[in-house]
Amino acid sequence: MTGGVEEPPVAATKVRAAARGLWMAVIGVLVVLIFLIVFILENEQHVQVSFLGTHGRLPLGVALLLSAVIGGIAVVLAGLVRILQLRSGRKVKRRPSTRRTHH
């Protein structure tokens, strides 16, 4: 204690920091959503879209947003596959040695 003022416990400080981080993330997501809504509303002219044999008309903003989301999902899946490959490779390398040596 300094000057009669009690300092909060470390756990309480961590909870406050986590809550602050969560609120900052929520605010960031809301800002992105506002920009996406404005983008979609400003690009509402319809375009012809064809994908894997299906055809249809969508607003341009929606079509671009869908393509970005599909591309993002593809990147996440590719990254997930790579992470799983690296993890399985690391496990295979550890199996032969049952005892670790420290240098």
C-alpha atoms as a PDB file:
ATOM      1  CA  MET A   1       0.000   0.000   0.000  1.00  0.00           C
ATOM      2  CA  THR A   2       1.210   3.455  -0.835  1.00  0.00           C
ATOM      3  CA  GLY A   3      -0.255   6.586   0.739  1.00  0.00           C
ATOM      4  CA  GLY A   4      -3.225   4.741   2.236  1.00  0.00           C
ATOM      5  CA  VAL A   5      -4.571   3.756  -1.215  1.00  0.00           C
ATOM      6  CA  GLU A   6      -5.077   0.056  -1.689  1.00  0.00           C
ATOM      7  CA  GLU A   7      -3.944  -1.340  -5.051  1.00  0.00           C
ATOM      8  CA  PRO A   8      -6.340  -3.776  -6.763  1.00  0.00           C
ATOM      9  CA  PRO A   9      -5.337  -7.434  -6.797  1.00  0.00           C
ATOM     10  CA  VAL A  10      -3.550  -8.706  -9.886  1.00  0.00           C
ATOM     11  CA  ALA A  11      -6.534 -10.899 -10.855  1.00  0.00           C
ATOM     12  CA  ALA A  12      -8.885  -7.891 -10.831  1.00  0.00           C
ATOM     13  CA  THR A  13      -6.470  -5.940 -13.016  1.00  0.00           C
ATOM     14  CA  LYS A  14      -6.326  -8.811 -15.508  1.00  0.00           C
ATOM     15  CA  VAL A  15     -10.135  -9.009 -15.610  1.00  0.00           C
ATOM     16  CA  ARG A  16     -10.384  -5.277 -16.282  1.00  0.00           C
ATOM     17  CA  ALA A  17      -7.786  -5.527 -19.053  1.00  0.00           C
ATOM     18  CA  ALA A  18      -9.651  -8.444 -20.617  1.00  0.00           C
ATOM     19  CA  ALA A  19     -12.954  -6.565 -20.420  1.00  0.00           C
ATOM     20  CA  ARG A  20     -11.365  -3.493 -21.988  1.00  0.00           C
ATOM     21  CA  GLY A  21      -9.952  -5.644 -24.797  1.00  0.00           C
ATOM     22  CA  LEU A  22     -13.342  -7.229 -25.363  1.00  0.00           C
ATOM     23  CA  TRP A  23     -15.042  -3.831 -25.602  1.00  0.00           C
ATOM     24  CA  MET A  24     -12.394  -2.591 -28.035  1.00  0.00           C
ATOM     25  CA  ALA A  25     -12.981  -5.684 -30.196  1.00  0.00           C
ATOM     26  CA  VAL A  26     -16.761  -5.122 -30.120  1.00  0.00           C
ATOM     27  CA  ILE A  27     -16.305  -1.479 -31.145  1.00  0.00           C
ATOM     28  CA  GLY A  28     -13.953  -2.531 -33.957  1.00  0.00           C
ATOM     29  CA  VAL A  29     -16.427  -5.098 -35.259  1.00  0.00           C
ATOM     30  CA  LEU A  30     -19.249  -2.559 -35.161  1.00  0.00           C
ATOM     31  CA  VAL A  31     -17.192  -0.045 -37.151  1.00  0.00           C
ATOM     32  CA  VAL A  32     -16.402  -2.704 -39.772  1.00  0.00           C
ATOM     33  CA  LEU A  33     -20.084  -3.678 -39.975  1.00  0.00           C
ATOM     34  CA  ILE A  34     -21.086  -0.044 -40.491  1.00  0.00           C
ATOM     35  CA  PHE A  35     -18.594   0.259 -43.343  1.00  0.00           C
ATOM     36  CA  LEU A  36     -19.905  -2.989 -44.881  1.00  0.00           C
ATOM     37  CA  ILE A  37     -23.504  -1.774 -44.700  1.00  0.00           C
ATOM     38  CA  VAL A  38     -22.549   1.525 -46.345  1.00  0.00           C
ATOM     39  CA  PHE A  39     -20.599  -0.380 -49.031  1.00  0.00           C
ATOM     40  CA  ILE A  40     -23.552  -2.649 -49.794  1.00  0.00           C
ATOM     41  CA  LEU A  41     -26.032   0.242 -49.886  1.00  0.00           C
ATOM     42  CA  GLU A  42     -23.815   2.306 -52.209  1.00  0.00           C
ATOM     43  CA  ASN A  43     -23.321  -0.625 -54.609  1.00  0.00           C
ATOM     44  CA  GLU A  44     -26.857  -1.834 -55.101  1.00  0.00           C
ATOM     45  CA  GLN A  45     -26.914  -2.094 -58.910  1.00  0.00           C
ATOM     46  CA  HIS A  46     -27.604  -5.718 -59.867  1.00  0.00           C
ATOM     47  CA  VAL A  47     -25.044  -7.828 -61.716  1.00  0.00           C
ATOM     48  CA  GLN A  48     -25.233 -11.259 -63.343  1.00  0.00           C
ATOM     49  CA  VAL A  49     -23.326 -13.850 -61.288  1.00  0.00           C
ATOM     50  CA  SER A  50     -22.431 -17.393 -62.383  1.00  0.00           C
ATOM     51  CA  PHE A  51     -20.813 -19.920 -60.061  1.00  0.00           C
ATOM     52  CA  LEU A  52     -20.449 -23.684 -60.521  1.00  0.00           C
ATOM     53  CA  GLY A  53     -23.241 -23.878 -63.048  1.00  0.00           C
ATOM     54  CA  THR A  54     -25.688 -21.683 -61.153  1.00  0.00           C
ATOM     55  CA  HIS A  55     -26.694 -18.273 -62.453  1.00  0.00           C
ATOM     56  CA  GLY A  56     -28.398 -15.385 -60.769  1.00  0.00           C
ATOM     57  CA  ARG A  57     -28.556 -11.660 -60.229  1.00  0.00           C
ATOM     58  CA  LEU A  58     -27.271 -10.028 -57.055  1.00  0.00           C
ATOM     59  CA  PRO A  59     -26.550  -6.498 -55.951  1.00  0.00           C
ATOM     60  CA  LEU A  60     -22.897  -5.720 -56.708  1.00  0.00           C
ATOM     61  CA  GLY A  61     -22.054  -5.020 -53.054  1.00  0.00           C
ATOM     62  CA  VAL A  62     -23.500  -8.347 -51.944  1.00  0.00           C
ATOM     63  CA  ALA A  63     -21.687 -10.232 -54.725  1.00  0.00           C
ATOM     64  CA  LEU A  64     -18.339  -8.655 -53.790  1.00  0.00           C
ATOM     65  CA  LEU A  65     -18.913  -9.259 -50.094  1.00  0.00           C
ATOM     66  CA  LEU A  66     -19.792 -12.912 -50.725  1.00  0.00           C
ATOM     67  CA  SER A  67     -16.668 -13.397 -52.824  1.00  0.00           C
ATOM     68  CA  ALA A  68     -14.529 -11.836 -50.069  1.00  0.00           C
ATOM     69  CA  VAL A  69     -16.116 -14.061 -47.420  1.00  0.00           C
ATOM     70  CA  ILE A  70     -15.635 -17.185 -49.554  1.00  0.00           C
ATOM     71  CA  GLY A  71     -12.019 -16.191 -50.191  1.00  0.00           C
ATOM     72  CA  GLY A  72     -11.468 -15.626 -46.477  1.00  0.00           C
ATOM     73  CA  ILE A  73     -12.925 -19.038 -45.663  1.00  0.00           C
ATOM     74  CA  ALA A  74     -10.611 -20.627 -48.250  1.00  0.00           C
ATOM     75  CA  VAL A  75      -7.583 -18.930 -46.656  1.00  0.00           C
ATOM     76  CA  VAL A  76      -8.629 -20.035 -43.156  1.00  0.00           C
ATOM     77  CA  LEU A  77      -9.129 -23.627 -44.332  1.00  0.00           C
ATOM     78  CA  ALA A  78      -5.749 -23.674 -46.080  1.00  0.00           C
ATOM     79  CA  GLY A  79      -4.093 -22.291 -42.948  1.00  0.00           C
ATOM     80  CA  LEU A  80      -5.864 -24.845 -40.770  1.00  0.00           C
ATOM     81  CA  VAL A  81      -4.693 -27.691 -42.990  1.00  0.00           C
ATOM     82  CA  ARG A  82      -1.123 -26.391 -42.809  1.00  0.00           C
ATOM     83  CA  ILE A  83      -1.253 -26.050 -39.022  1.00  0.00           C
ATOM     84  CA  LEU A  84      -2.532 -29.612 -38.722  1.00  0.00           C
ATOM     85  CA  GLN A  85       0.257 -30.819 -41.030  1.00  0.00           C
ATOM     86  CA  LEU A  86       2.904 -29.077 -38.928  1.00  0.00           C
ATOM     87  CA  ARG A  87       1.465 -30.431 -35.683  1.00  0.00           C
ATOM     88  CA  SER A  88       1.309 -33.999 -36.989  1.00  0.00           C
ATOM     89  CA  GLY A  89       4.879 -33.702 -38.295  1.00  0.00           C
ATOM     90  CA  ARG A  90       6.069 -32.473 -34.918  1.00  0.00           C
ATOM     91  CA  LYS A  91       4.445 -35.428 -33.168  1.00  0.00           C
ATOM     92  CA  VAL A  92       6.078 -37.862 -35.581  1.00  0.00           C
ATOM     93  CA  LYS A  93       9.523 -36.376 -34.880  1.00  0.00           C
ATOM     94  CA  ARG A  94       9.075 -36.723 -31.104  1.00  0.00           C
ATOM     95  CA  ARG A  95       8.068 -40.406 -31.121  1.00  0.00           C
ATOM     96  CA  PRO A  96      11.544 -42.000 -31.662  1.00  0.00           C
ATOM     97  CA  SER A  97      13.128 -40.295 -28.680  1.00  0.00           C
ATOM     98  CA  THR A  98      11.460 -41.324 -25.442  1.00  0.00           C
ATOM     99  CA  ARG A  99      13.909 -39.428 -23.287  1.00  0.00           C
ATOM    100  CA  ARG A 100      14.862 -35.797 -23.633  1.00  0.00           C
ATOM    101  CA  THR A 101      18.427 -34.716 -23.131  1.00  0.00           C
ATOM    102  CA  HIS A 102      19.332 -31.340 -21.723  1.00  0.00           C
ATOM    103  CA  HIS A 103      22.504 -29.596 -22.845  1.00  0.00           C
END
